[in-house]
Structures are given as structure tokens and as C-alpha cells.
Amino acid sequence: MEKITYTFPATKNIDHRAHVGVVGSGDLEVMMEPSDGSQTEVTIRTGITGFKNTWEAVIQRFFSQHDVAAKVRINDFGATPGVVAIRLAQALEVSTLDSNGKC
């Protein structure tokens, strides 16, 4: 099991916690919650070792496009970079929904 962490500066807040995806064959789960500070903290736990550069590229790209202050936990079981990006986008959408279910 490999653990990877990243920290990025951020200026926008999210409103709610989000939990999307499941850990299973070829998939991952993303948990996103509001952060108290002005940064994003990402912690990745993966059973697939040797892909730190790929993780860095995907995570850095996503959070450079989405400037949100959040604590993000990712549990991976071999998801592709495309699935990672989709799950992050889903978590962000859920975390910014208002009480009427709209962004």
C-alpha cells in the first residue's frame, strides 16, 4: 500500500461533504470535505505502487482548474487517470450543491 499526499493553495470554499465511488476492482472512492484553512490537502492510498508521477499530474491538473479549499481522501484500487478525474469532478459537484440540489 502506497500513501501519497499533496497540498495546494486555495481560495474558494466548498459547502458540504461528499463521498463518491467505491473501492473495488479497478475503481476508487473519493471523500471531500470543507477545509478550515486556505488550502487543499489530498491524501491518496493506493494498492498499486509506482504511479506517483501519474497521480501528481492528475491531481495537480484538477486542483489547478478547481481552486477549492478541501480535505480530500482517495482510496484507490487501480483506477485509470480518467476515472480519477471523473470521481473528483463528481465529489466537487456534490460538495457544492445547495439545499435544492443545484450547484
PDB file of N, CA and C in Angstrom:
ATOM      1  N   MET A   1       0.857  -1.175   0.000  1.00  0.00           N
ATOM      2  CA  MET A   1       0.000   0.000   0.000  1.00  0.00           C
ATOM      3  C   MET A   1       0.893   1.224   0.000  1.00  0.00           C
ATOM      4  N   GLU A   2       0.617   2.145  -0.910  1.00  0.00           N
ATOM      5  CA  GLU A   2       1.378   3.387  -1.006  1.00  0.00           C
ATOM      6  C   GLU A   2       0.491   4.542  -0.562  1.00  0.00           C
ATOM      7  N   LYS A   3       1.071   5.477   0.175  1.00  0.00           N
ATOM      8  CA  LYS A   3       0.349   6.675   0.614  1.00  0.00           C
ATOM      9  C   LYS A   3       1.050   7.888   0.012  1.00  0.00           C
ATOM     10  N   ILE A   4       0.274   8.730  -0.669  1.00  0.00           N
ATOM     11  CA  ILE A   4       0.795   9.918  -1.340  1.00  0.00           C
ATOM     12  C   ILE A   4       0.000  11.110  -0.831  1.00  0.00           C
ATOM     13  N   THR A   5       0.672  12.202  -0.534  1.00  0.00           N
ATOM     14  CA  THR A   5      -0.028  13.401  -0.075  1.00  0.00           C
ATOM     15  C   THR A   5       0.405  14.615  -0.889  1.00  0.00           C
ATOM     16  N   TYR A   6      -0.545  15.524  -1.072  1.00  0.00           N
ATOM     17  CA  TYR A   6      -0.304  16.774  -1.785  1.00  0.00           C
ATOM     18  C   TYR A   6      -1.015  17.898  -1.044  1.00  0.00           C
ATOM     19  N   THR A   7      -0.474  19.103  -1.166  1.00  0.00           N
ATOM     20  CA  THR A   7      -1.104  20.297  -0.613  1.00  0.00           C
ATOM     21  C   THR A   7      -1.040  21.394  -1.671  1.00  0.00           C
ATOM     22  N   PHE A   8      -2.174  22.089  -1.851  1.00  0.00           N
ATOM     23  CA  PHE A   8      -2.268  23.169  -2.835  1.00  0.00           C
ATOM     24  C   PHE A   8      -2.912  24.382  -2.173  1.00  0.00           C
ATOM     25  N   PRO A   9      -2.490  25.600  -2.542  1.00  0.00           N
ATOM     26  CA  PRO A   9      -3.189  26.787  -2.046  1.00  0.00           C
ATOM     27  C   PRO A   9      -4.583  26.856  -2.661  1.00  0.00           C
ATOM     28  N   ALA A  10      -5.517  27.442  -1.916  1.00  0.00           N
ATOM     29  CA  ALA A  10      -6.894  27.534  -2.412  1.00  0.00           C
ATOM     30  C   ALA A  10      -7.568  28.782  -1.857  1.00  0.00           C
ATOM     31  N   THR A  11      -8.569  29.268  -2.598  1.00  0.00           N
ATOM     32  CA  THR A  11      -9.285  30.471  -2.161  1.00  0.00           C
ATOM     33  C   THR A  11     -10.790  30.282  -2.035  1.00  0.00           C
ATOM     34  N   LYS A  12     -11.352  29.261  -2.684  1.00  0.00           N
ATOM     35  CA  LYS A  12     -12.806  29.064  -2.660  1.00  0.00           C
ATOM     36  C   LYS A  12     -13.168  27.934  -1.705  1.00  0.00           C
ATOM     37  N   ASN A  13     -14.285  28.110  -1.016  1.00  0.00           N
ATOM     38  CA  ASN A  13     -14.749  27.090  -0.076  1.00  0.00           C
ATOM     39  C   ASN A  13     -15.800  26.195  -0.712  1.00  0.00           C
ATOM     40  N   ILE A  14     -15.880  24.978  -0.208  1.00  0.00           N
ATOM     41  CA  ILE A  14     -16.988  24.102  -0.575  1.00  0.00           C
ATOM     42  C   ILE A  14     -17.947  24.062   0.610  1.00  0.00           C
ATOM     43  N   ASP A  15     -19.182  23.657   0.355  1.00  0.00           N
ATOM     44  CA  ASP A  15     -20.215  23.740   1.381  1.00  0.00           C
ATOM     45  C   ASP A  15     -20.453  22.453   2.156  1.00  0.00           C
ATOM     46  N   HIS A  16     -20.302  21.311   1.490  1.00  0.00           N
ATOM     47  CA  HIS A  16     -20.722  20.047   2.082  1.00  0.00           C
ATOM     48  C   HIS A  16     -19.667  18.963   1.901  1.00  0.00           C
ATOM     49  N   ARG A  17     -19.832  17.922   2.673  1.00  0.00           N
ATOM     50  CA  ARG A  17     -19.028  16.723   2.476  1.00  0.00           C
ATOM     51  C   ARG A  17     -19.570  15.936   1.298  1.00  0.00           C
ATOM     52  N   ALA A  18     -18.682  15.196   0.664  1.00  0.00           N
ATOM     53  CA  ALA A  18     -19.089  14.344  -0.454  1.00  0.00           C
ATOM     54  C   ALA A  18     -18.351  13.021  -0.353  1.00  0.00           C
ATOM     55  N   HIS A  19     -19.040  11.956  -0.749  1.00  0.00           N
ATOM     56  CA  HIS A  19     -18.437  10.617  -0.801  1.00  0.00           C
ATOM     57  C   HIS A  19     -18.953   9.966  -2.073  1.00  0.00           C
ATOM     58  N   VAL A  20     -18.050   9.749  -3.029  1.00  0.00           N
ATOM     59  CA  VAL A  20     -18.442   9.153  -4.311  1.00  0.00           C
ATOM     60  C   VAL A  20     -17.534   7.974  -4.624  1.00  0.00           C
ATOM     61  N   GLY A  21     -18.081   7.015  -5.354  1.00  0.00           N
ATOM     62  CA  GLY A  21     -17.320   5.848  -5.776  1.00  0.00           C
ATOM     63  C   GLY A  21     -17.184   4.819  -4.680  1.00  0.00           C
ATOM     64  N   VAL A  22     -16.637   3.692  -5.058  1.00  0.00           N
ATOM     65  CA  VAL A  22     -16.380   2.592  -4.125  1.00  0.00           C
ATOM     66  C   VAL A  22     -15.000   2.017  -4.433  1.00  0.00           C
ATOM     67  N   VAL A  23     -14.393   1.458  -3.411  1.00  0.00           N
ATOM     68  CA  VAL A  23     -13.125   0.781  -3.631  1.00  0.00           C
ATOM     69  C   VAL A  23     -13.467  -0.635  -4.072  1.00  0.00           C
ATOM     70  N   GLY A  24     -13.023  -0.992  -5.222  1.00  0.00           N
ATOM     71  CA  GLY A  24     -13.269  -2.323  -5.765  1.00  0.00           C
ATOM     72  C   GLY A  24     -12.368  -2.517  -6.953  1.00  0.00           C
ATOM     73  N   SER A  25     -12.534  -3.569  -7.630  1.00  0.00           N
ATOM     74  CA  SER A  25     -11.673  -3.892  -8.759  1.00  0.00           C
ATOM     75  C   SER A  25     -11.666  -2.762  -9.785  1.00  0.00           C
ATOM     76  N   GLY A  26     -10.537  -2.093  -9.913  1.00  0.00           N
ATOM     77  CA  GLY A  26     -10.380  -1.043 -10.913  1.00  0.00           C
ATOM     78  C   GLY A  26     -11.096   0.250 -10.617  1.00  0.00           C
ATOM     79  N   ASP A  27     -11.429   0.526  -9.372  1.00  0.00           N
ATOM     80  CA  ASP A  27     -12.168   1.746  -9.073  1.00  0.00           C
ATOM     81  C   ASP A  27     -11.573   2.413  -7.840  1.00  0.00           C
ATOM     82  N   LEU A  28     -12.192   3.495  -7.417  1.00  0.00           N
ATOM     83  CA  LEU A  28     -11.733   4.206  -6.239  1.00  0.00           C
ATOM     84  C   LEU A  28     -12.873   4.980  -5.616  1.00  0.00           C
ATOM     85  N   GLU A  29     -12.647   5.409  -4.374  1.00  0.00           N
ATOM     86  CA  GLU A  29     -13.598   6.281  -3.711  1.00  0.00           C
ATOM     87  C   GLU A  29     -12.909   7.590  -3.388  1.00  0.00           C
ATOM     88  N   VAL A  30     -13.700   8.655  -3.451  1.00  0.00           N
ATOM     89  CA  VAL A  30     -13.215   9.992  -3.127  1.00  0.00           C
ATOM     90  C   VAL A  30     -14.113  10.564  -2.048  1.00  0.00           C
ATOM     91  N   MET A  31     -13.491  11.028  -0.981  1.00  0.00           N
ATOM     92  CA  MET A  31     -14.202  11.715   0.091  1.00  0.00           C
ATOM     93  C   MET A  31     -13.660  13.129   0.155  1.00  0.00           C
ATOM     94  N   MET A  32     -14.550  14.100   0.081  1.00  0.00           N
ATOM     95  CA  MET A  32     -14.158  15.509   0.051  1.00  0.00           C
ATOM     96  C   MET A  32     -14.943  16.239   1.127  1.00  0.00           C
ATOM     97  N   GLU A  33     -14.253  17.042   1.915  1.00  0.00           N
ATOM     98  CA  GLU A  33     -14.935  17.822   2.941  1.00  0.00           C
ATOM     99  C   GLU A  33     -14.338  19.215   3.018  1.00  0.00           C
ATOM    100  N   PRO A  34     -15.112  20.171   3.530  1.00  0.00           N
ATOM    101  CA  PRO A  34     -14.595  21.534   3.637  1.00  0.00           C
ATOM    102  C   PRO A  34     -13.333  21.578   4.494  1.00  0.00           C
ATOM    103  N   SER A  35     -12.447  22.502   4.166  1.00  0.00           N
ATOM    104  CA  SER A  35     -11.210  22.694   4.910  1.00  0.00           C
ATOM    105  C   SER A  35     -11.315  23.960   5.743  1.00  0.00           C
ATOM    106  N   ASP A  36     -10.685  23.956   6.906  1.00  0.00           N
ATOM    107  CA  ASP A  36     -10.684  25.140   7.760  1.00  0.00           C
ATOM    108  C   ASP A  36      -9.737  26.212   7.250  1.00  0.00           C
ATOM    109  N   GLY A  37      -8.756  25.818   6.471  1.00  0.00           N
ATOM    110  CA  GLY A  37      -7.737  26.753   6.019  1.00  0.00           C
ATOM    111  C   GLY A  37      -7.937  27.196   4.588  1.00  0.00           C
ATOM    112  N   SER A  38      -6.898  27.768   4.037  1.00  0.00           N
ATOM    113  CA  SER A  38      -6.942  28.244   2.656  1.00  0.00           C
ATOM    114  C   SER A  38      -6.052  27.358   1.782  1.00  0.00           C
ATOM    115  N   GLN A  39      -6.281  26.048   1.926  1.00  0.00           N
ATOM    116  CA  GLN A  39      -5.526  25.100   1.125  1.00  0.00           C
ATOM    117  C   GLN A  39      -6.317  23.818   0.922  1.00  0.00           C
ATOM    118  N   THR A  40      -5.876  23.060  -0.041  1.00  0.00           N
ATOM    119  CA  THR A  40      -6.423  21.739  -0.298  1.00  0.00           C
ATOM    120  C   THR A  40      -5.389  20.719   0.133  1.00  0.00           C
ATOM    121  N   GLU A  41      -5.834  19.737   0.897  1.00  0.00           N
ATOM    122  CA  GLU A  41      -4.977  18.645   1.322  1.00  0.00           C
ATOM    123  C   GLU A  41      -5.514  17.368   0.690  1.00  0.00           C
ATOM    124  N   VAL A  42      -4.690  16.684  -0.081  1.00  0.00           N
ATOM    125  CA  VAL A  42      -5.094  15.460  -0.758  1.00  0.00           C
ATOM    126  C   VAL A  42      -4.250  14.310  -0.214  1.00  0.00           C
ATOM    127  N   THR A  43      -4.932  13.257   0.237  1.00  0.00           N
ATOM    128  CA  THR A  43      -4.253  12.049   0.692  1.00  0.00           C
ATOM    129  C   THR A  43      -4.754  10.886  -0.143  1.00  0.00           C
ATOM    130  N   ILE A  44      -3.830  10.191  -0.764  1.00  0.00           N
ATOM    131  CA  ILE A  44      -4.162   9.056  -1.634  1.00  0.00           C
ATOM    132  C   ILE A  44      -3.590   7.792  -1.015  1.00  0.00           C
ATOM    133  N   ARG A  45      -4.423   6.774  -0.903  1.00  0.00           N
ATOM    134  CA  ARG A  45      -3.956   5.441  -0.521  1.00  0.00           C
ATOM    135  C   ARG A  45      -4.250   4.517  -1.683  1.00  0.00           C
ATOM    136  N   THR A  46      -3.206   3.873  -2.173  1.00  0.00           N
ATOM    137  CA  THR A  46      -3.379   3.008  -3.334  1.00  0.00           C
ATOM    138  C   THR A  46      -2.613   1.707  -3.146  1.00  0.00           C
ATOM    139  N   GLY A  47      -3.200   0.649  -3.624  1.00  0.00           N
ATOM    140  CA  GLY A  47      -2.548  -0.651  -3.608  1.00  0.00           C
ATOM    141  C   GLY A  47      -1.663  -0.868  -4.816  1.00  0.00           C
ATOM    142  N   ILE A  48      -1.708   0.054  -5.761  1.00  0.00           N
ATOM    143  CA  ILE A  48      -0.921  -0.041  -6.985  1.00  0.00           C
ATOM    144  C   ILE A  48       0.270   0.912  -6.845  1.00  0.00           C
ATOM    145  N   THR A  49       1.462   0.372  -6.722  1.00  0.00           N
ATOM    146  CA  THR A  49       2.629   1.220  -6.497  1.00  0.00           C
ATOM    147  C   THR A  49       3.314   1.594  -7.817  1.00  0.00           C
ATOM    148  N   GLY A  50       4.119   2.659  -7.764  1.00  0.00           N
ATOM    149  CA  GLY A  50       4.919   3.052  -8.918  1.00  0.00           C
ATOM    150  C   GLY A  50       4.276   4.068  -9.847  1.00  0.00           C
ATOM    151  N   PHE A  51       3.156   4.661  -9.435  1.00  0.00           N
ATOM    152  CA  PHE A  51       2.461   5.612 -10.314  1.00  0.00           C
ATOM    153  C   PHE A  51       2.386   7.009  -9.706  1.00  0.00           C
ATOM    154  N   LYS A  52       3.351   7.355  -8.865  1.00  0.00           N
ATOM    155  CA  LYS A  52       3.330   8.659  -8.198  1.00  0.00           C
ATOM    156  C   LYS A  52       3.326   9.815  -9.201  1.00  0.00           C
ATOM    157  N   ASN A  53       4.097   9.710 -10.270  1.00  0.00           N
ATOM    158  CA  ASN A  53       4.129  10.787 -11.273  1.00  0.00           C
ATOM    159  C   ASN A  53       2.781  10.953 -11.965  1.00  0.00           C
ATOM    160  N   THR A  54       2.106   9.853 -12.225  1.00  0.00           N
ATOM    161  CA  THR A  54       0.774   9.917 -12.847  1.00  0.00           C
ATOM    162  C   THR A  54      -0.217  10.556 -11.892  1.00  0.00           C
ATOM    163  N   TRP A  55      -0.193  10.139 -10.624  1.00  0.00           N
ATOM    164  CA  TRP A  55      -1.078  10.738  -9.629  1.00  0.00           C
ATOM    165  C   TRP A  55      -0.833  12.243  -9.534  1.00  0.00           C
ATOM    166  N   GLU A  56       0.423  12.615  -9.481  1.00  0.00           N
ATOM    167  CA  GLU A  56       0.747  14.031  -9.360  1.00  0.00           C
ATOM    168  C   GLU A  56       0.186  14.834 -10.527  1.00  0.00           C
ATOM    169  N   ALA A  57       0.322  14.332 -11.736  1.00  0.00           N
ATOM    170  CA  ALA A  57      -0.184  15.039 -12.918  1.00  0.00           C
ATOM    171  C   ALA A  57      -1.702  15.196 -12.862  1.00  0.00           C
ATOM    172  N   VAL A  58      -2.408  14.128 -12.510  1.00  0.00           N
ATOM    173  CA  VAL A  58      -3.882  14.175 -12.475  1.00  0.00           C
ATOM    174  C   VAL A  58      -4.369  15.101 -11.365  1.00  0.00           C
ATOM    175  N   ILE A  59      -3.817  14.956 -10.172  1.00  0.00           N
ATOM    176  CA  ILE A  59      -4.261  15.757  -9.029  1.00  0.00           C
ATOM    177  C   ILE A  59      -3.908  17.225  -9.227  1.00  0.00           C
ATOM    178  N   GLN A  60      -2.707  17.491  -9.691  1.00  0.00           N
ATOM    179  CA  GLN A  60      -2.290  18.874  -9.910  1.00  0.00           C
ATOM    180  C   GLN A  60      -3.154  19.554 -10.978  1.00  0.00           C
ATOM    181  N   ARG A  61      -3.455  18.846 -12.060  1.00  0.00           N
ATOM    182  CA  ARG A  61      -4.297  19.406 -13.115  1.00  0.00           C
ATOM    183  C   ARG A  61      -5.689  19.741 -12.573  1.00  0.00           C
ATOM    184  N   PHE A  62      -6.276  18.816 -11.828  1.00  0.00           N
ATOM    185  CA  PHE A  62      -7.633  19.032 -11.328  1.00  0.00           C
ATOM    186  C   PHE A  62      -7.688  20.249 -10.392  1.00  0.00           C
ATOM    187  N   PHE A  63      -6.767  20.309  -9.432  1.00  0.00           N
ATOM    188  CA  PHE A  63      -6.852  21.389  -8.451  1.00  0.00           C
ATOM    189  C   PHE A  63      -6.282  22.712  -8.956  1.00  0.00           C
ATOM    190  N   SER A  64      -5.595  22.717 -10.071  1.00  0.00           N
ATOM    191  CA  SER A  64      -5.241  23.999 -10.688  1.00  0.00           C
ATOM    192  C   SER A  64      -6.449  24.573 -11.432  1.00  0.00           C
ATOM    193  N   GLN A  65      -7.354  23.708 -11.865  1.00  0.00           N
ATOM    194  CA  GLN A  65      -8.585  24.145 -12.536  1.00  0.00           C
ATOM    195  C   GLN A  65      -9.704  24.444 -11.549  1.00  0.00           C
ATOM    196  N   HIS A  66      -9.668  23.810 -10.386  1.00  0.00           N
ATOM    197  CA  HIS A  66     -10.724  23.957  -9.376  1.00  0.00           C
ATOM    198  C   HIS A  66     -10.078  24.401  -8.069  1.00  0.00           C
ATOM    199  N   ASP A  67     -10.089  25.684  -7.843  1.00  0.00           N
ATOM    200  CA  ASP A  67      -9.418  26.309  -6.706  1.00  0.00           C
ATOM    201  C   ASP A  67     -10.305  26.224  -5.467  1.00  0.00           C
ATOM    202  N   VAL A  68     -10.405  25.032  -4.878  1.00  0.00           N
ATOM    203  CA  VAL A  68     -11.272  24.849  -3.714  1.00  0.00           C
ATOM    204  C   VAL A  68     -10.453  24.408  -2.508  1.00  0.00           C
ATOM    205  N   ALA A  69     -10.817  24.947  -1.353  1.00  0.00           N
ATOM    206  CA  ALA A  69     -10.197  24.547  -0.092  1.00  0.00           C
ATOM    207  C   ALA A  69     -10.942  23.317   0.425  1.00  0.00           C
ATOM    208  N   ALA A  70     -10.250  22.206   0.489  1.00  0.00           N
ATOM    209  CA  ALA A  70     -10.911  20.963   0.889  1.00  0.00           C
ATOM    210  C   ALA A  70      -9.892  19.977   1.446  1.00  0.00           C
ATOM    211  N   LYS A  71     -10.411  19.038   2.205  1.00  0.00           N
ATOM    212  CA  LYS A  71      -9.638  17.875   2.618  1.00  0.00           C
ATOM    213  C   LYS A  71     -10.151  16.730   1.764  1.00  0.00           C
ATOM    214  N   VAL A  72      -9.268  16.120   1.005  1.00  0.00           N
ATOM    215  CA  VAL A  72      -9.662  15.083   0.059  1.00  0.00           C
ATOM    216  C   VAL A  72      -8.926  13.795   0.404  1.00  0.00           C
ATOM    217  N   ARG A  73      -9.692  12.720   0.532  1.00  0.00           N
ATOM    218  CA  ARG A  73      -9.107  11.394   0.745  1.00  0.00           C
ATOM    219  C   ARG A  73      -9.515  10.512  -0.426  1.00  0.00           C
ATOM    220  N   ILE A  74      -8.543   9.861  -1.010  1.00  0.00           N
ATOM    221  CA  ILE A  74      -8.791   8.969  -2.138  1.00  0.00           C
ATOM    222  C   ILE A  74      -8.272   7.584  -1.773  1.00  0.00           C
ATOM    223  N   ASN A  75      -9.136   6.597  -1.900  1.00  0.00           N
ATOM    224  CA  ASN A  75      -8.753   5.204  -1.715  1.00  0.00           C
ATOM    225  C   ASN A  75      -8.868   4.533  -3.071  1.00  0.00           C
ATOM    226  N   ASP A  76      -7.740   4.048  -3.579  1.00  0.00           N
ATOM    227  CA  ASP A  76      -7.657   3.555  -4.953  1.00  0.00           C
ATOM    228  C   ASP A  76      -7.413   2.053  -5.008  1.00  0.00           C
ATOM    229  N   PHE A  77      -8.010   1.438  -6.023  1.00  0.00           N
ATOM    230  CA  PHE A  77      -7.756   0.028  -6.301  1.00  0.00           C
ATOM    231  C   PHE A  77      -7.534  -0.157  -7.791  1.00  0.00           C
ATOM    232  N   GLY A  78      -6.652   0.669  -8.360  1.00  0.00           N
ATOM    233  CA  GLY A  78      -6.266   0.517  -9.757  1.00  0.00           C
ATOM    234  C   GLY A  78      -7.079   1.308 -10.761  1.00  0.00           C
ATOM    235  N   ALA A  79      -7.660   2.426 -10.342  1.00  0.00           N
ATOM    236  CA  ALA A  79      -8.447   3.248 -11.269  1.00  0.00           C
ATOM    237  C   ALA A  79      -7.532   3.929 -12.283  1.00  0.00           C
ATOM    238  N   THR A  80      -8.058   4.148 -13.466  1.00  0.00           N
ATOM    239  CA  THR A  80      -7.317   4.867 -14.505  1.00  0.00           C
ATOM    240  C   THR A  80      -7.359   6.369 -14.215  1.00  0.00           C
ATOM    241  N   PRO A  81      -6.450   7.152 -14.805  1.00  0.00           N
ATOM    242  CA  PRO A  81      -6.486   8.604 -14.607  1.00  0.00           C
ATOM    243  C   PRO A  81      -7.835   9.235 -14.987  1.00  0.00           C
ATOM    244  N   GLY A  82      -8.480   8.725 -16.012  1.00  0.00           N
ATOM    245  CA  GLY A  82      -9.794   9.244 -16.400  1.00  0.00           C
ATOM    246  C   GLY A  82     -10.837   9.037 -15.318  1.00  0.00           C
ATOM    247  N   VAL A  83     -10.833   7.883 -14.704  1.00  0.00           N
ATOM    248  CA  VAL A  83     -11.783   7.597 -13.615  1.00  0.00           C
ATOM    249  C   VAL A  83     -11.486   8.497 -12.422  1.00  0.00           C
ATOM    250  N   VAL A  84     -10.218   8.714 -12.128  1.00  0.00           N
ATOM    251  CA  VAL A  84      -9.854   9.607 -11.024  1.00  0.00           C
ATOM    252  C   VAL A  84     -10.421  11.002 -11.271  1.00  0.00           C
ATOM    253  N   ALA A  85     -10.243  11.531 -12.471  1.00  0.00           N
ATOM    254  CA  ALA A  85     -10.747  12.866 -12.800  1.00  0.00           C
ATOM    255  C   ALA A  85     -12.269  12.933 -12.696  1.00  0.00           C
ATOM    256  N   ILE A  86     -12.950  11.893 -13.147  1.00  0.00           N
ATOM    257  CA  ILE A  86     -14.416  11.857 -13.074  1.00  0.00           C
ATOM    258  C   ILE A  86     -14.883  11.823 -11.623  1.00  0.00           C
ATOM    259  N   ARG A  87     -14.272  10.979 -10.809  1.00  0.00           N
ATOM    260  CA  ARG A  87     -14.668  10.892  -9.391  1.00  0.00           C
ATOM    261  C   ARG A  87     -14.407  12.209  -8.658  1.00  0.00           C
ATOM    262  N   LEU A  88     -13.293  12.855  -8.947  1.00  0.00           N
ATOM    263  CA  LEU A  88     -13.025  14.154  -8.328  1.00  0.00           C
ATOM    264  C   LEU A  88     -14.083  15.176  -8.741  1.00  0.00           C
ATOM    265  N   ALA A  89     -14.447  15.195 -10.019  1.00  0.00           N
ATOM    266  CA  ALA A  89     -15.481  16.114 -10.502  1.00  0.00           C
ATOM    267  C   ALA A  89     -16.826  15.819  -9.847  1.00  0.00           C
ATOM    268  N   GLN A  90     -17.156  14.541  -9.695  1.00  0.00           N
ATOM    269  CA  GLN A  90     -18.404  14.170  -9.022  1.00  0.00           C
ATOM    270  C   GLN A  90     -18.400  14.639  -7.575  1.00  0.00           C
ATOM    271  N   ALA A  91     -17.296  14.419  -6.863  1.00  0.00           N
ATOM    272  CA  ALA A  91     -17.213  14.844  -5.467  1.00  0.00           C
ATOM    273  C   ALA A  91     -17.340  16.352  -5.345  1.00  0.00           C
ATOM    274  N   LEU A  92     -16.696  17.079  -6.242  1.00  0.00           N
ATOM    275  CA  LEU A  92     -16.794  18.539  -6.216  1.00  0.00           C
ATOM    276  C   LEU A  92     -18.226  18.987  -6.465  1.00  0.00           C
ATOM    277  N   GLU A  93     -18.899  18.364  -7.412  1.00  0.00           N
ATOM    278  CA  GLU A  93     -20.289  18.720  -7.696  1.00  0.00           C
ATOM    279  C   GLU A  93     -21.176  18.474  -6.475  1.00  0.00           C
ATOM    280  N   VAL A  94     -21.044  17.332  -5.854  1.00  0.00           N
ATOM    281  CA  VAL A  94     -21.850  17.011  -4.666  1.00  0.00           C
ATOM    282  C   VAL A  94     -21.544  17.992  -3.529  1.00  0.00           C
ATOM    283  N   SER A  95     -20.294  18.365  -3.364  1.00  0.00           N
ATOM    284  CA  SER A  95     -19.914  19.240  -2.251  1.00  0.00           C
ATOM    285  C   SER A  95     -20.351  20.685  -2.443  1.00  0.00           C
ATOM    286  N   THR A  96     -20.779  21.044  -3.636  1.00  0.00           N
ATOM    287  CA  THR A  96     -21.215  22.424  -3.888  1.00  0.00           C
ATOM    288  C   THR A  96     -22.711  22.539  -4.162  1.00  0.00           C
ATOM    289  N   LEU A  97     -23.462  21.451  -3.984  1.00  0.00           N
ATOM    290  CA  LEU A  97     -24.910  21.504  -4.188  1.00  0.00           C
ATOM    291  C   LEU A  97     -25.581  22.291  -3.085  1.00  0.00           C
ATOM    292  N   ASP A  98     -26.587  23.067  -3.431  1.00  0.00           N
ATOM    293  CA  ASP A  98     -27.348  23.764  -2.409  1.00  0.00           C
ATOM    294  C   ASP A  98     -28.473  22.845  -1.903  1.00  0.00           C
ATOM    295  N   SER A  99     -29.305  23.357  -1.016  1.00  0.00           N
ATOM    296  CA  SER A  99     -30.353  22.537  -0.416  1.00  0.00           C
ATOM    297  C   SER A  99     -31.412  22.080  -1.424  1.00  0.00           C
ATOM    298  N   ASN A 100     -31.451  22.716  -2.601  1.00  0.00           N
ATOM    299  CA  ASN A 100     -32.382  22.319  -3.660  1.00  0.00           C
ATOM    300  C   ASN A 100     -31.749  21.374  -4.669  1.00  0.00           C
ATOM    301  N   GLY A 101     -30.507  20.963  -4.423  1.00  0.00           N
ATOM    302  CA  GLY A 101     -29.827  20.049  -5.322  1.00  0.00           C
ATOM    303  C   GLY A 101     -29.228  20.717  -6.542  1.00  0.00           C
ATOM    304  N   LYS A 102     -29.004  22.043  -6.456  1.00  0.00           N
ATOM    305  CA  LYS A 102     -28.422  22.774  -7.598  1.00  0.00           C
ATOM    306  C   LYS A 102     -27.063  23.323  -7.204  1.00  0.00           C
ATOM    307  N   CYS A 103     -26.176  23.420  -8.194  1.00  0.00           N
ATOM    308  CA  CYS A 103     -24.831  23.972  -7.939  1.00  0.00           C
ATOM    309  C   CYS A 103     -24.877  25.461  -7.776  1.00  0.00           C
TER     310      CYS A 103
END
